[in-house]
Each structure stands twice: as C-alpha cells, then as structure tokens.
Amino acid sequence: MAKKGGTLKRFFFLLVLVALLVIVFVLFGGGNLLRSAGNWIGGVGNKAEDVKQTIEKKATTIGNTVEKLKDGEKPGEKK
C-alpha cells in the first residue's frame, strides 16, 4: 500500500530540530566561534591581496625588462 501523508509532519519536526540546534549553538558560544572564523577569513583575504600586489609588481618589472631587451636587439643580429 502507498504511504499516506506524513510529509507535513516530517517537515514540522525538521524545523523544530533545526531551531533546537540553533538554540544550542548560540547557548554554547557559537557567536564567538563565528566571529573568530570571520576574522581568520579576513586575514587570509588581506594576505592574498598582498601576494597579488607583489606578483603584479614583479610581472611589471619582468615585462619592462623584456621590452628593453627587445628594443636592444637590431634586426638581423644573431647572438
């Protein structure tokens, strides 16, 4: 036989379970955990930005060097 109903009841119990989990998380100091995780992620983002800027500077320097080397060569000149 086919299963009758029960989806609404299951959904309601799922909502109650999620609400209880949220309450327990908050009571056990989950806010501090989230705050420290946010600070850590922000720090990683700042480090990544610094690395990006360093790489861009080095790429610009290398690009300038390559351009100077190209300008220094004369057509038909072999090394």
PDB file of N, CA and C in Angstrom:
ATOM      1  N   MET A   1       0.826  -1.182   0.000  1.00  0.00           N
ATOM      2  CA  MET A   1       0.000   0.000   0.000  1.00  0.00           C
ATOM      3  C   MET A   1       0.872   1.248   0.000  1.00  0.00           C
ATOM      4  N   ALA A   2       0.311   2.280  -0.560  1.00  0.00           N
ATOM      5  CA  ALA A   2       1.048   3.542  -0.625  1.00  0.00           C
ATOM      6  C   ALA A   2       1.081   4.198   0.747  1.00  0.00           C
ATOM      7  N   LYS A   3       2.151   4.890   1.007  1.00  0.00           N
ATOM      8  CA  LYS A   3       2.316   5.611   2.266  1.00  0.00           C
ATOM      9  C   LYS A   3       1.399   6.833   2.257  1.00  0.00           C
ATOM     10  N   LYS A   4       0.673   7.031   3.332  1.00  0.00           N
ATOM     11  CA  LYS A   4      -0.265   8.154   3.381  1.00  0.00           C
ATOM     12  C   LYS A   4       0.337   9.304   4.175  1.00  0.00           C
ATOM     13  N   GLY A   5       0.349  10.490   3.564  1.00  0.00           N
ATOM     14  CA  GLY A   5       0.754  11.720   4.233  1.00  0.00           C
ATOM     15  C   GLY A   5       2.090  11.635   4.940  1.00  0.00           C
ATOM     16  N   GLY A   6       2.209  12.372   6.022  1.00  0.00           N
ATOM     17  CA  GLY A   6       3.414  12.351   6.815  1.00  0.00           C
ATOM     18  C   GLY A   6       4.466  13.363   6.401  1.00  0.00           C
ATOM     19  N   THR A   7       4.354  13.938   5.204  1.00  0.00           N
ATOM     20  CA  THR A   7       5.383  14.887   4.766  1.00  0.00           C
ATOM     21  C   THR A   7       5.297  16.184   5.543  1.00  0.00           C
ATOM     22  N   LEU A   8       4.084  16.617   5.860  1.00  0.00           N
ATOM     23  CA  LEU A   8       3.928  17.849   6.638  1.00  0.00           C
ATOM     24  C   LEU A   8       4.474  17.648   8.048  1.00  0.00           C
ATOM     25  N   LYS A   9       4.177  16.481   8.626  1.00  0.00           N
ATOM     26  CA  LYS A   9       4.664  16.177   9.969  1.00  0.00           C
ATOM     27  C   LYS A   9       6.196  16.118   9.971  1.00  0.00           C
ATOM     28  N   ARG A  10       6.777  15.475   8.976  1.00  0.00           N
ATOM     29  CA  ARG A  10       8.232  15.373   8.870  1.00  0.00           C
ATOM     30  C   ARG A  10       8.857  16.756   8.720  1.00  0.00           C
ATOM     31  N   PHE A  11       8.267  17.612   7.885  1.00  0.00           N
ATOM     32  CA  PHE A  11       8.761  18.978   7.694  1.00  0.00           C
ATOM     33  C   PHE A  11       8.709  19.771   9.000  1.00  0.00           C
ATOM     34  N   PHE A  12       7.601  19.634   9.734  1.00  0.00           N
ATOM     35  CA  PHE A  12       7.458  20.345  11.006  1.00  0.00           C
ATOM     36  C   PHE A  12       8.525  19.890  12.002  1.00  0.00           C
ATOM     37  N   PHE A  13       8.743  18.578  12.120  1.00  0.00           N
ATOM     38  CA  PHE A  13       9.757  18.075  13.044  1.00  0.00           C
ATOM     39  C   PHE A  13      11.165  18.488  12.615  1.00  0.00           C
ATOM     40  N   LEU A  14      11.388  18.574  11.332  1.00  0.00           N
ATOM     41  CA  LEU A  14      12.687  19.043  10.841  1.00  0.00           C
ATOM     42  C   LEU A  14      12.925  20.501  11.239  1.00  0.00           C
ATOM     43  N   LEU A  15      11.885  21.336  11.106  1.00  0.00           N
ATOM     44  CA  LEU A  15      12.008  22.736  11.531  1.00  0.00           C
ATOM     45  C   LEU A  15      12.285  22.843  13.028  1.00  0.00           C
ATOM     46  N   VAL A  16      11.604  22.033  13.834  1.00  0.00           N
ATOM     47  CA  VAL A  16      11.825  22.057  15.280  1.00  0.00           C
ATOM     48  C   VAL A  16      13.255  21.619  15.595  1.00  0.00           C
ATOM     49  N   LEU A  17      13.746  20.596  14.916  1.00  0.00           N
ATOM     50  CA  LEU A  17      15.109  20.125  15.135  1.00  0.00           C
ATOM     51  C   LEU A  17      16.135  21.198  14.784  1.00  0.00           C
ATOM     52  N   VAL A  18      15.939  21.876  13.660  1.00  0.00           N
ATOM     53  CA  VAL A  18      16.868  22.941  13.256  1.00  0.00           C
ATOM     54  C   VAL A  18      16.836  24.081  14.264  1.00  0.00           C
ATOM     55  N   ALA A  19      15.644  24.448  14.735  1.00  0.00           N
ATOM     56  CA  ALA A  19      15.529  25.516  15.731  1.00  0.00           C
ATOM     57  C   ALA A  19      16.255  25.138  17.019  1.00  0.00           C
ATOM     58  N   LEU A  20      16.107  23.899  17.457  1.00  0.00           N
ATOM     59  CA  LEU A  20      16.800  23.460  18.667  1.00  0.00           C
ATOM     60  C   LEU A  20      18.317  23.464  18.486  1.00  0.00           C
ATOM     61  N   LEU A  21      18.779  23.026  17.324  1.00  0.00           N
ATOM     62  CA  LEU A  21      20.217  23.051  17.058  1.00  0.00           C
ATOM     63  C   LEU A  21      20.761  24.471  17.074  1.00  0.00           C
ATOM     64  N   VAL A  22      20.022  25.408  16.523  1.00  0.00           N
ATOM     65  CA  VAL A  22      20.458  26.815  16.529  1.00  0.00           C
ATOM     66  C   VAL A  22      20.516  27.345  17.949  1.00  0.00           C
ATOM     67  N   ILE A  23      19.525  27.019  18.751  1.00  0.00           N
ATOM     68  CA  ILE A  23      19.494  27.494  20.143  1.00  0.00           C
ATOM     69  C   ILE A  23      20.685  26.920  20.918  1.00  0.00           C
ATOM     70  N   VAL A  24      20.966  25.641  20.753  1.00  0.00           N
ATOM     71  CA  VAL A  24      22.097  25.019  21.455  1.00  0.00           C
ATOM     72  C   VAL A  24      23.409  25.643  20.979  1.00  0.00           C
ATOM     73  N   PHE A  25      23.533  25.891  19.688  1.00  0.00           N
ATOM     74  CA  PHE A  25      24.745  26.511  19.147  1.00  0.00           C
ATOM     75  C   PHE A  25      24.987  27.880  19.776  1.00  0.00           C
ATOM     76  N   VAL A  26      23.938  28.674  19.869  1.00  0.00           N
ATOM     77  CA  VAL A  26      24.067  30.019  20.442  1.00  0.00           C
ATOM     78  C   VAL A  26      24.391  29.936  21.931  1.00  0.00           C
ATOM     79  N   LEU A  27      23.743  29.032  22.642  1.00  0.00           N
ATOM     80  CA  LEU A  27      23.984  28.918  24.083  1.00  0.00           C
ATOM     81  C   LEU A  27      25.405  28.467  24.407  1.00  0.00           C
ATOM     82  N   PHE A  28      26.003  27.664  23.563  1.00  0.00           N
ATOM     83  CA  PHE A  28      27.357  27.189  23.815  1.00  0.00           C
ATOM     84  C   PHE A  28      28.427  28.079  23.216  1.00  0.00           C
ATOM     85  N   GLY A  29      28.109  29.311  22.893  1.00  0.00           N
ATOM     86  CA  GLY A  29      29.119  30.261  22.453  1.00  0.00           C
ATOM     87  C   GLY A  29      29.448  30.191  20.978  1.00  0.00           C
ATOM     88  N   GLY A  30      28.508  29.831  20.164  1.00  0.00           N
ATOM     89  CA  GLY A  30      28.738  29.742  18.726  1.00  0.00           C
ATOM     90  C   GLY A  30      29.029  31.087  18.098  1.00  0.00           C
ATOM     91  N   GLY A  31      28.538  32.171  18.710  1.00  0.00           N
ATOM     92  CA  GLY A  31      28.790  33.506  18.179  1.00  0.00           C
ATOM     93  C   GLY A  31      30.270  33.848  18.186  1.00  0.00           C
ATOM     94  N   ASN A  32      30.945  33.485  19.253  1.00  0.00           N
ATOM     95  CA  ASN A  32      32.398  33.736  19.342  1.00  0.00           C
ATOM     96  C   ASN A  32      33.149  32.918  18.304  1.00  0.00           C
ATOM     97  N   LEU A  33      32.702  31.684  18.104  1.00  0.00           N
ATOM     98  CA  LEU A  33      33.332  30.829  17.110  1.00  0.00           C
ATOM     99  C   LEU A  33      33.176  31.429  15.718  1.00  0.00           C
ATOM    100  N   LEU A  34      31.982  31.900  15.406  1.00  0.00           N
ATOM    101  CA  LEU A  34      31.744  32.514  14.099  1.00  0.00           C
ATOM    102  C   LEU A  34      32.552  33.797  13.932  1.00  0.00           C
ATOM    103  N   ARG A  35      32.673  34.580  14.998  1.00  0.00           N
ATOM    104  CA  ARG A  35      33.425  35.826  14.935  1.00  0.00           C
ATOM    105  C   ARG A  35      34.908  35.554  14.678  1.00  0.00           C
ATOM    106  N   SER A  36      35.468  34.570  15.395  1.00  0.00           N
ATOM    107  CA  SER A  36      36.884  34.261  15.196  1.00  0.00           C
ATOM    108  C   SER A  36      37.126  33.690  13.796  1.00  0.00           C
ATOM    109  N   ALA A  37      36.190  32.900  13.299  1.00  0.00           N
ATOM    110  CA  ALA A  37      36.333  32.370  11.940  1.00  0.00           C
ATOM    111  C   ALA A  37      36.275  33.498  10.910  1.00  0.00           C
ATOM    112  N   GLY A  38      35.413  34.475  11.135  1.00  0.00           N
ATOM    113  CA  GLY A  38      35.324  35.626  10.239  1.00  0.00           C
ATOM    114  C   GLY A  38      36.610  36.441  10.232  1.00  0.00           C
ATOM    115  N   ASN A  39      37.191  36.639  11.397  1.00  0.00           N
ATOM    116  CA  ASN A  39      38.462  37.372  11.479  1.00  0.00           C
ATOM    117  C   ASN A  39      39.573  36.624  10.754  1.00  0.00           C
ATOM    118  N   TRP A  40      39.600  35.298  10.895  1.00  0.00           N
ATOM    119  CA  TRP A  40      40.616  34.487  10.231  1.00  0.00           C
ATOM    120  C   TRP A  40      40.475  34.583   8.714  1.00  0.00           C
ATOM    121  N   ILE A  41      39.239  34.491   8.240  1.00  0.00           N
ATOM    122  CA  ILE A  41      39.000  34.584   6.797  1.00  0.00           C
ATOM    123  C   ILE A  41      39.395  35.961   6.275  1.00  0.00           C
ATOM    124  N   GLY A  42      39.100  37.011   7.040  1.00  0.00           N
ATOM    125  CA  GLY A  42      39.502  38.359   6.648  1.00  0.00           C
ATOM    126  C   GLY A  42      41.007  38.497   6.568  1.00  0.00           C
ATOM    127  N   GLY A  43      41.718  37.881   7.498  1.00  0.00           N
ATOM    128  CA  GLY A  43      43.181  37.930   7.483  1.00  0.00           C
ATOM    129  C   GLY A  43      43.761  37.216   6.274  1.00  0.00           C
ATOM    130  N   VAL A  44      43.157  36.094   5.915  1.00  0.00           N
ATOM    131  CA  VAL A  44      43.617  35.351   4.739  1.00  0.00           C
ATOM    132  C   VAL A  44      43.381  36.185   3.482  1.00  0.00           C
ATOM    133  N   GLY A  45      42.259  36.883   3.429  1.00  0.00           N
ATOM    134  CA  GLY A  45      41.975  37.749   2.277  1.00  0.00           C
ATOM    135  C   GLY A  45      42.992  38.866   2.138  1.00  0.00           C
ATOM    136  N   ASN A  46      43.381  39.453   3.255  1.00  0.00           N
ATOM    137  CA  ASN A  46      44.392  40.524   3.218  1.00  0.00           C
ATOM    138  C   ASN A  46      45.741  39.993   2.745  1.00  0.00           C
ATOM    139  N   LYS A  47      46.115  38.798   3.204  1.00  0.00           N
ATOM    140  CA  LYS A  47      47.380  38.202   2.767  1.00  0.00           C
ATOM    141  C   LYS A  47      47.348  37.912   1.269  1.00  0.00           C
ATOM    142  N   ALA A  48      46.221  37.426   0.801  1.00  0.00           N
ATOM    143  CA  ALA A  48      46.095  37.130  -0.631  1.00  0.00           C
ATOM    144  C   ALA A  48      46.212  38.406  -1.457  1.00  0.00           C
ATOM    145  N   GLU A  49      45.660  39.489  -0.965  1.00  0.00           N
ATOM    146  CA  GLU A  49      45.766  40.774  -1.675  1.00  0.00           C
ATOM    147  C   GLU A  49      47.219  41.243  -1.738  1.00  0.00           C
ATOM    148  N   ASP A  50      47.953  41.071  -0.631  1.00  0.00           N
ATOM    149  CA  ASP A  50      49.375  41.437  -0.616  1.00  0.00           C
ATOM    150  C   ASP A  50      50.177  40.609  -1.615  1.00  0.00           C
ATOM    151  N   VAL A  51      49.909  39.312  -1.665  1.00  0.00           N
ATOM    152  CA  VAL A  51      50.612  38.433  -2.610  1.00  0.00           C
ATOM    153  C   VAL A  51      50.288  38.844  -4.040  1.00  0.00           C
ATOM    154  N   LYS A  52      49.040  39.178  -4.296  1.00  0.00           N
ATOM    155  CA  LYS A  52      48.619  39.607  -5.638  1.00  0.00           C
ATOM    156  C   LYS A  52      49.369  40.863  -6.062  1.00  0.00           C
ATOM    157  N   GLN A  53      49.470  41.829  -5.168  1.00  0.00           N
ATOM    158  CA  GLN A  53      50.173  43.066  -5.494  1.00  0.00           C
ATOM    159  C   GLN A  53      51.660  42.806  -5.746  1.00  0.00           C
ATOM    160  N   THR A  54      52.265  41.936  -4.964  1.00  0.00           N
ATOM    161  CA  THR A  54      53.678  41.600  -5.161  1.00  0.00           C
ATOM    162  C   THR A  54      53.895  40.954  -6.524  1.00  0.00           C
ATOM    163  N   ILE A  55      53.026  40.026  -6.880  1.00  0.00           N
ATOM    164  CA  ILE A  55      53.147  39.350  -8.175  1.00  0.00           C
ATOM    165  C   ILE A  55      52.961  40.344  -9.317  1.00  0.00           C
ATOM    166  N   GLU A  56      52.009  41.260  -9.175  1.00  0.00           N
ATOM    167  CA  GLU A  56      51.799  42.269 -10.219  1.00  0.00           C
ATOM    168  C   GLU A  56      53.027  43.152 -10.397  1.00  0.00           C
ATOM    169  N   LYS A  57      53.663  43.539  -9.289  1.00  0.00           N
ATOM    170  CA  LYS A  57      54.870  44.371  -9.380  1.00  0.00           C
ATOM    171  C   LYS A  57      55.995  43.622 -10.083  1.00  0.00           C
ATOM    172  N   LYS A  58      56.185  42.357  -9.717  1.00  0.00           N
ATOM    173  CA  LYS A  58      57.249  41.573 -10.340  1.00  0.00           C
ATOM    174  C   LYS A  58      56.957  41.343 -11.817  1.00  0.00           C
ATOM    175  N   ALA A  59      55.702  41.114 -12.161  1.00  0.00           N
ATOM    176  CA  ALA A  59      55.340  40.912 -13.570  1.00  0.00           C
ATOM    177  C   ALA A  59      55.582  42.178 -14.376  1.00  0.00           C
ATOM    178  N   THR A  60      55.303  43.332 -13.809  1.00  0.00           N
ATOM    179  CA  THR A  60      55.559  44.597 -14.488  1.00  0.00           C
ATOM    180  C   THR A  60      57.054  44.785 -14.716  1.00  0.00           C
ATOM    181  N   THR A  61      57.855  44.477 -13.706  1.00  0.00           N
ATOM    182  CA  THR A  61      59.309  44.597 -13.825  1.00  0.00           C
ATOM    183  C   THR A  61      59.840  43.675 -14.915  1.00  0.00           C
ATOM    184  N   ILE A  62      59.365  42.444 -14.924  1.00  0.00           N
ATOM    185  CA  ILE A  62      59.808  41.481 -15.937  1.00  0.00           C
ATOM    186  C   ILE A  62      59.365  41.933 -17.322  1.00  0.00           C
ATOM    187  N   GLY A  63      58.140  42.444 -17.419  1.00  0.00           N
ATOM    188  CA  GLY A  63      57.651  42.947 -18.710  1.00  0.00           C
ATOM    189  C   GLY A  63      58.496  44.092 -19.226  1.00  0.00           C
ATOM    190  N   ASN A  64      58.881  45.004 -18.347  1.00  0.00           N
ATOM    191  CA  ASN A  64      59.740  46.124 -18.748  1.00  0.00           C
ATOM    192  C   ASN A  64      61.108  45.638 -19.205  1.00  0.00           C
ATOM    193  N   THR A  65      61.651  44.656 -18.501  1.00  0.00           N
ATOM    194  CA  THR A  65      62.952  44.100 -18.881  1.00  0.00           C
ATOM    195  C   THR A  65      62.888  43.458 -20.259  1.00  0.00           C
ATOM    196  N   VAL A  66      61.831  42.709 -20.523  1.00  0.00           N
ATOM    197  CA  VAL A  66      61.673  42.057 -21.822  1.00  0.00           C
ATOM    198  C   VAL A  66      61.558  43.098 -22.926  1.00  0.00           C
ATOM    199  N   GLU A  67      60.810  44.157 -22.670  1.00  0.00           N
ATOM    200  CA  GLU A  67      60.673  45.228 -23.669  1.00  0.00           C
ATOM    201  C   GLU A  67      62.022  45.881 -23.949  1.00  0.00           C
ATOM    202  N   LYS A  68      62.828  46.119 -22.907  1.00  0.00           N
ATOM    203  CA  LYS A  68      64.152  46.716 -23.104  1.00  0.00           C
ATOM    204  C   LYS A  68      65.040  45.793 -23.920  1.00  0.00           C
ATOM    205  N   LEU A  69      64.962  44.491 -23.635  1.00  0.00           N
ATOM    206  CA  LEU A  69      65.772  43.538 -24.382  1.00  0.00           C
ATOM    207  C   LEU A  69      65.345  43.485 -25.846  1.00  0.00           C
ATOM    208  N   LYS A  70      64.059  43.566 -26.099  1.00  0.00           N
ATOM    209  CA  LYS A  70      63.568  43.556 -27.481  1.00  0.00           C
ATOM    210  C   LYS A  70      64.030  44.803 -28.220  1.00  0.00           C
ATOM    211  N   ASP A  71      63.985  45.950 -27.545  1.00  0.00           N
ATOM    212  CA  ASP A  71      64.409  47.203 -28.167  1.00  0.00           C
ATOM    213  C   ASP A  71      65.907  47.207 -28.428  1.00  0.00           C
ATOM    214  N   GLY A  72      66.681  46.515 -27.613  1.00  0.00           N
ATOM    215  CA  GLY A  72      68.133  46.489 -27.749  1.00  0.00           C
ATOM    216  C   GLY A  72      68.610  45.644 -28.917  1.00  0.00           C
ATOM    217  N   GLU A  73      67.802  44.700 -29.356  1.00  0.00           N
ATOM    218  CA  GLU A  73      68.207  43.852 -30.475  1.00  0.00           C
ATOM    219  C   GLU A  73      68.008  44.599 -31.783  1.00  0.00           C
ATOM    220  N   LYS A  74      68.947  44.396 -32.695  1.00  0.00           N
ATOM    221  CA  LYS A  74      68.818  45.013 -34.014  1.00  0.00           C
ATOM    222  C   LYS A  74      68.359  43.933 -34.985  1.00  0.00           C
ATOM    223  N   PRO A  75      67.568  44.294 -35.977  1.00  0.00           N
ATOM    224  CA  PRO A  75      67.106  43.298 -36.922  1.00  0.00           C
ATOM    225  C   PRO A  75      68.289  42.636 -37.644  1.00  0.00           C
ATOM    226  N   GLY A  76      68.238  41.351 -37.791  1.00  0.00           N
ATOM    227  CA  GLY A  76      69.292  40.614 -38.480  1.00  0.00           C
ATOM    228  C   GLY A  76      70.483  40.276 -37.619  1.00  0.00           C
ATOM    229  N   GLU A  77      70.493  40.698 -36.365  1.00  0.00           N
ATOM    230  CA  GLU A  77      71.615  40.438 -35.473  1.00  0.00           C
ATOM    231  C   GLU A  77      71.449  39.060 -34.839  1.00  0.00           C
ATOM    232  N   LYS A  78      72.476  38.266 -34.844  1.00  0.00           N
ATOM    233  CA  LYS A  78      72.421  36.940 -34.226  1.00  0.00           C
ATOM    234  C   LYS A  78      73.373  36.909 -33.055  1.00  0.00           C
ATOM    235  N   LYS A  79      73.020  36.138 -32.085  1.00  0.00           N
ATOM    236  CA  LYS A  79      73.872  36.013 -30.893  1.00  0.00           C
ATOM    237  C   LYS A  79      74.628  34.737 -30.920  1.00  0.00           C
TER     238      LYS A  79
END
